[in-house]
Amino acid sequence: MKEKRSFKDIIFRAILYLWGLTIVFPLGWVLFESFKSNPEFFADIWAMPEKLHFENYLHAWEEYNFDQAFLNTLYYVGGSLVLGLFFTTLNAYALTRIHFKGRKLIWGLIMLSLFLPGINAIVPQYVVMRDLDLTNSLTGLIVLSGLGETVFYLLILSGFMKAIPKEVEESSFLDGASHWQVFWKIIVPLSMPGIVTVAIFKFIDFYNAFLSPFILLSDPSKYTIGVQMYQANKLMEYSADWVTLFAGIIIAMVPSVAIFIFFQKWIIKGATFGSIKG
């Protein structure tokens, strides 16, 4: 027998549906307009196109140099993901499974960083990268993004690692295992659901990154997809090829949207499990 919904539940669901509509509708509109010709777009933005102009996507791919931008993004996201995921996992292990003086102080400072807007670090980061001669370099961008820690990811992994029984470690230490062996052969495999969850979040975060690549990269041949789409938008100041821009937006969205949809259940399950167990 189905549970009868209360009036409050109905109102709450209606609000959620309306909120979701405000997100889905603009994306659907951009997709709809991307299949029009420019004359059709300027004539009536709500009218149906006479035919679907799939050539807009080919034009966008060539016009905005997506082949190079995707290669740059693949290198940047891949390198940052491997480096960042390793250090996030290592940091979570050190802060949750190893007892040492000052651990609570470090956790307090990490939590305090939640109150600091990330944009405040842009100038110091740029100065450091400039002094290390790592500006205008995708490798330098990988170093910056990979070594930068995010409290949210650290908390997710900490929740998973705290749930692992201490007896597992203690028996390994009695057998002569080192901290590194315990971390790599025991903690990492047992925390794999949390690691995968964090990896998905990091992928979406790095793929959609804009500010750091925009500030640090000056060579157009090294632009990531986020910066490339910004430059495409700037071109609209001198032209009116909006349907091509809309097609480019859809192309740029496909990887992150596909990853999120494919791993949606894993993300929700992993994040919820980590928070409950932690």
Protein backbone atom coordinates (compact mmCIF):
# COMPACT_ATOMS: atom_id res chain seq x y z
CA MET A 1 0.00 0.00 0.00
CA LYS A 2 1.35 3.35 -1.03
CA GLU A 3 2.01 5.88 1.70
CA LYS A 4 -0.28 8.89 1.45
CA ARG A 5 1.64 12.10 0.87
CA SER A 6 0.91 15.07 3.07
CA PHE A 7 0.24 18.56 1.78
CA LYS A 8 3.73 19.64 2.89
CA ASP A 9 5.30 16.81 0.86
CA ILE A 10 3.40 17.89 -2.24
CA ILE A 11 4.48 21.53 -1.81
CA PHE A 12 8.06 20.48 -1.20
CA ARG A 13 8.10 18.29 -4.33
CA ALA A 14 6.52 21.08 -6.39
CA ILE A 15 9.26 23.48 -5.27
CA LEU A 16 11.95 20.93 -6.18
CA TYR A 17 10.40 20.38 -9.62
CA LEU A 18 10.26 24.13 -10.27
CA TRP A 19 13.86 24.48 -9.12
CA GLY A 20 14.91 21.65 -11.42
CA LEU A 21 13.02 23.29 -14.28
CA THR A 22 15.01 26.51 -13.85
CA ILE A 23 18.17 24.45 -14.43
CA VAL A 24 16.95 22.16 -17.22
CA PHE A 25 15.01 24.75 -19.23
CA PRO A 26 17.99 27.01 -20.16
CA LEU A 27 20.02 23.96 -21.19
CA GLY A 28 17.14 22.64 -23.28
CA TRP A 29 16.70 26.04 -24.89
CA VAL A 30 20.40 26.20 -25.85
CA LEU A 31 20.15 22.70 -27.35
CA PHE A 32 17.01 23.72 -29.26
CA GLU A 33 18.59 26.87 -30.66
CA SER A 34 21.79 25.06 -31.68
CA PHE A 35 19.89 23.31 -34.49
CA LYS A 36 18.69 26.55 -36.10
CA SER A 37 20.26 28.80 -38.67
CA ASN A 38 21.21 32.34 -37.63
CA PRO A 39 18.36 33.95 -39.66
CA GLU A 40 15.87 31.62 -37.96
CA PHE A 41 17.33 32.43 -34.55
CA PHE A 42 17.03 36.20 -35.04
CA ALA A 43 13.58 35.92 -36.65
CA ASP A 44 11.96 34.08 -33.73
CA ILE A 45 13.77 32.36 -30.89
CA TRP A 46 10.72 30.21 -30.09
CA ALA A 47 9.86 29.04 -33.60
CA MET A 48 10.69 25.52 -34.75
CA PRO A 49 13.56 25.28 -37.27
CA GLU A 50 12.64 24.34 -40.84
CA LYS A 51 15.32 21.66 -40.68
CA LEU A 52 17.92 20.53 -38.16
CA HIS A 53 21.27 22.18 -38.86
CA PHE A 54 23.72 19.56 -37.62
CA GLU A 55 26.46 21.38 -39.50
CA ASN A 56 26.47 23.93 -36.66
CA TYR A 57 28.30 21.36 -34.52
CA LEU A 58 30.93 20.69 -37.16
CA HIS A 59 31.38 24.43 -37.63
CA ALA A 60 31.73 24.93 -33.87
CA TRP A 61 34.29 22.12 -33.62
CA GLU A 62 36.45 23.70 -36.32
CA GLU A 63 35.83 27.34 -35.43
CA TYR A 64 36.65 26.98 -31.74
CA ASN A 65 39.55 24.55 -32.20
CA PHE A 66 37.92 21.92 -30.00
CA ASP A 67 40.31 19.16 -31.04
CA GLN A 68 43.29 20.95 -29.46
CA ALA A 69 41.24 22.22 -26.51
CA PHE A 70 40.02 18.71 -25.67
CA LEU A 71 43.56 17.32 -25.87
CA ASN A 72 44.78 20.07 -23.55
CA THR A 73 41.89 19.41 -21.18
CA LEU A 74 42.53 15.67 -21.24
CA TYR A 75 46.18 16.20 -20.29
CA TYR A 76 45.31 18.76 -17.62
CA VAL A 77 42.42 16.83 -16.09
CA GLY A 78 44.23 13.48 -16.24
CA GLY A 79 47.42 14.77 -14.64
CA SER A 80 45.60 16.81 -12.00
CA LEU A 81 43.30 13.91 -11.18
CA VAL A 82 46.10 11.41 -10.62
CA LEU A 83 48.22 13.83 -8.59
CA GLY A 84 45.33 15.33 -6.63
CA LEU A 85 43.68 12.01 -5.86
CA PHE A 86 46.95 10.55 -4.56
CA PHE A 87 47.59 13.44 -2.17
CA THR A 88 43.96 13.65 -1.03
CA THR A 89 44.00 9.93 -0.19
CA LEU A 90 47.36 10.24 1.55
CA ASN A 91 46.24 13.29 3.55
CA ALA A 92 43.01 11.58 4.60
CA TYR A 93 44.98 8.54 5.79
CA ALA A 94 47.45 10.64 7.77
CA LEU A 95 44.75 12.73 9.44
CA THR A 96 42.40 9.88 10.32
CA ARG A 97 44.56 6.79 10.91
CA ILE A 98 47.83 8.16 12.30
CA HIS A 99 47.92 9.75 15.76
CA PHE A 100 50.44 12.54 16.20
CA LYS A 101 50.74 15.81 18.10
CA GLY A 102 49.06 18.74 16.40
CA ARG A 103 46.62 16.63 14.41
CA LYS A 104 43.58 18.40 15.89
CA LEU A 105 45.19 21.76 15.20
CA ILE A 106 45.74 20.82 11.56
CA TRP A 107 42.12 19.67 11.26
CA GLY A 108 41.02 22.97 12.80
CA LEU A 109 43.04 24.98 10.30
CA ILE A 110 41.67 22.89 7.44
CA MET A 111 38.10 23.47 8.60
CA LEU A 112 38.85 27.18 9.05
CA SER A 113 39.80 27.36 5.37
CA LEU A 114 36.13 26.71 4.55
CA PHE A 115 35.40 30.30 5.58
CA LEU A 116 38.01 31.76 3.22
CA PRO A 117 36.88 32.53 -0.35
CA GLY A 118 39.05 30.62 -2.81
CA ILE A 119 39.53 33.71 -4.95
CA ASN A 120 41.73 35.18 -2.19
CA ALA A 121 44.43 32.66 -3.11
CA ILE A 122 44.59 33.66 -6.78
CA VAL A 123 47.20 36.41 -6.40
CA PRO A 124 49.57 34.42 -4.11
CA GLN A 125 49.22 31.40 -6.39
CA TYR A 126 50.07 33.46 -9.44
CA VAL A 127 53.11 35.02 -7.76
CA VAL A 128 54.43 31.61 -6.72
CA MET A 129 53.81 30.11 -10.17
CA ARG A 130 55.49 33.07 -11.83
CA ASP A 131 58.55 32.85 -9.59
CA LEU A 132 58.79 29.10 -10.35
CA ASP A 133 58.47 29.85 -14.08
CA LEU A 134 55.37 27.65 -14.31
CA THR A 135 52.98 30.15 -15.89
CA ASN A 136 51.66 29.49 -19.40
CA SER A 137 52.30 25.78 -18.83
CA LEU A 138 49.77 22.97 -18.65
CA THR A 139 52.23 21.01 -16.51
CA GLY A 140 52.47 23.92 -14.10
CA LEU A 141 48.69 24.08 -14.00
CA ILE A 142 48.61 20.37 -13.15
CA VAL A 143 51.04 20.95 -10.26
CA LEU A 144 48.91 23.81 -8.92
CA SER A 145 45.60 21.96 -9.21
CA GLY A 146 46.95 18.59 -8.08
CA LEU A 147 48.61 19.91 -4.95
CA GLY A 148 45.67 22.12 -4.01
CA GLU A 149 43.49 20.40 -1.41
CA THR A 150 39.71 20.71 -1.13
CA VAL A 151 38.16 20.20 2.30
CA PHE A 152 35.01 18.60 0.88
CA TYR A 153 36.96 15.77 -0.78
CA LEU A 154 39.08 15.30 2.30
CA LEU A 155 35.99 14.95 4.48
CA ILE A 156 34.44 12.35 2.16
CA LEU A 157 37.54 10.15 2.19
CA SER A 158 38.03 10.65 5.92
CA GLY A 159 34.52 9.30 6.49
CA PHE A 160 35.37 6.12 4.61
CA MET A 161 38.70 5.63 6.32
CA LYS A 162 37.30 6.18 9.81
CA ALA A 163 34.87 3.32 9.18
CA ILE A 164 37.71 0.81 8.70
CA PRO A 165 38.31 -1.22 11.90
CA LYS A 166 41.57 -0.40 13.65
CA GLU A 167 42.22 -4.10 14.20
CA VAL A 168 43.01 -4.44 10.50
CA GLU A 169 45.93 -2.03 10.86
CA GLU A 170 47.10 -3.38 14.20
CA SER A 171 47.38 -6.94 12.91
CA SER A 172 49.35 -5.69 9.92
CA PHE A 173 51.76 -3.75 12.13
CA LEU A 174 52.26 -6.85 14.27
CA ASP A 175 53.25 -8.72 11.10
CA GLY A 176 55.91 -6.09 10.44
CA ALA A 177 54.12 -3.93 7.86
CA SER A 178 55.11 -0.27 7.53
CA HIS A 179 52.69 2.68 7.38
CA TRP A 180 53.16 2.85 3.62
CA GLN A 181 52.37 -0.86 3.18
CA VAL A 182 49.26 -0.55 5.34
CA PHE A 183 48.17 2.52 3.41
CA TRP A 184 48.74 1.09 -0.05
CA LYS A 185 47.72 -2.54 0.45
CA ILE A 186 44.94 -2.25 3.03
CA ILE A 187 43.50 1.26 3.43
CA VAL A 188 43.38 2.16 -0.27
CA PRO A 189 41.55 -1.04 -1.39
CA LEU A 190 39.05 -0.81 1.48
CA SER A 191 38.43 2.90 0.74
CA MET A 192 38.02 2.39 -3.00
CA PRO A 193 34.30 3.38 -3.11
CA GLY A 194 35.18 6.71 -1.49
CA ILE A 195 38.21 7.18 -3.72
CA VAL A 196 36.10 6.62 -6.85
CA THR A 197 33.50 9.07 -5.57
CA VAL A 198 36.15 11.73 -4.98
CA ALA A 199 37.69 10.98 -8.38
CA ILE A 200 34.36 11.69 -10.09
CA PHE A 201 33.92 14.95 -8.22
CA LYS A 202 37.49 15.99 -9.01
CA PHE A 203 37.04 15.16 -12.69
CA ILE A 204 34.00 17.40 -12.96
CA ASP A 205 35.77 20.11 -10.94
CA PHE A 206 38.92 20.07 -13.08
CA TYR A 207 37.02 19.79 -16.35
CA ASN A 208 34.93 22.86 -15.53
CA ALA A 209 37.89 24.84 -14.12
CA PHE A 210 38.16 28.30 -15.60
CA LEU A 211 39.77 30.92 -13.37
CA SER A 212 43.19 29.32 -12.84
CA PRO A 213 43.65 28.24 -16.49
CA PHE A 214 42.43 31.65 -17.64
CA ILE A 215 44.93 33.52 -15.47
CA LEU A 216 47.93 31.23 -15.92
CA LEU A 217 47.63 30.33 -19.63
CA SER A 218 48.37 32.99 -22.23
CA ASP A 219 49.04 30.80 -25.28
CA PRO A 220 45.78 30.02 -27.16
CA SER A 221 47.20 26.64 -28.24
CA LYS A 222 47.25 25.61 -24.55
CA TYR A 223 43.73 26.67 -23.63
CA THR A 224 41.52 24.19 -21.82
CA ILE A 225 37.88 23.77 -22.79
CA GLY A 226 36.67 26.29 -20.20
CA VAL A 227 38.97 29.06 -21.43
CA GLN A 228 38.28 28.14 -25.05
CA MET A 229 34.54 28.61 -24.53
CA TYR A 230 35.17 31.96 -22.87
CA GLN A 231 37.13 33.08 -25.92
CA ALA A 232 34.31 31.80 -28.14
CA ASN A 233 31.87 33.92 -26.17
CA LYS A 234 34.12 36.97 -26.56
CA LEU A 235 33.97 36.50 -30.34
CA MET A 236 30.28 37.39 -30.19
CA GLU A 237 31.35 41.00 -29.62
CA TYR A 238 32.49 41.10 -33.26
CA SER A 239 30.09 38.61 -34.88
CA ALA A 240 26.58 37.28 -34.41
CA ASP A 241 27.01 33.57 -35.02
CA TRP A 242 25.01 32.56 -31.98
CA VAL A 243 23.87 29.15 -33.19
CA THR A 244 27.49 28.06 -33.56
CA LEU A 245 28.20 29.28 -30.03
CA PHE A 246 25.21 27.29 -28.74
CA ALA A 247 26.49 24.19 -30.53
CA GLY A 248 29.91 24.74 -28.95
CA ILE A 249 28.33 24.99 -25.50
CA ILE A 250 26.57 21.66 -25.98
CA ILE A 251 29.80 20.00 -27.19
CA ALA A 252 31.70 21.34 -24.18
CA MET A 253 29.01 20.11 -21.78
CA VAL A 254 28.82 16.53 -23.06
CA PRO A 255 31.79 14.96 -21.15
CA SER A 256 30.95 16.34 -17.70
CA VAL A 257 27.20 15.73 -18.06
CA ALA A 258 27.81 12.17 -19.30
CA ILE A 259 30.16 11.42 -16.40
CA PHE A 260 27.69 12.79 -13.86
CA ILE A 261 24.71 10.91 -15.30
CA PHE A 262 26.62 7.64 -15.60
CA PHE A 263 28.02 7.79 -12.05
CA GLN A 264 25.10 9.61 -10.41
CA LYS A 265 24.06 6.73 -8.15
CA TRP A 266 27.68 6.06 -7.21
CA ILE A 267 28.23 9.72 -6.31
CA ILE A 268 25.14 9.96 -4.09
CA LYS A 269 25.76 6.58 -2.46
CA GLY A 270 29.45 7.25 -1.89
CA ALA A 271 29.02 10.75 -0.49
CA THR A 272 26.17 9.68 1.80
CA PHE A 273 28.01 6.57 3.03
CA GLY A 274 31.13 8.58 3.79
CA SER A 275 29.24 11.22 5.72
CA ILE A 276 27.25 8.68 7.76
CA LYS A 277 30.20 6.47 8.61
CA GLY A 278 32.41 9.45 9.38
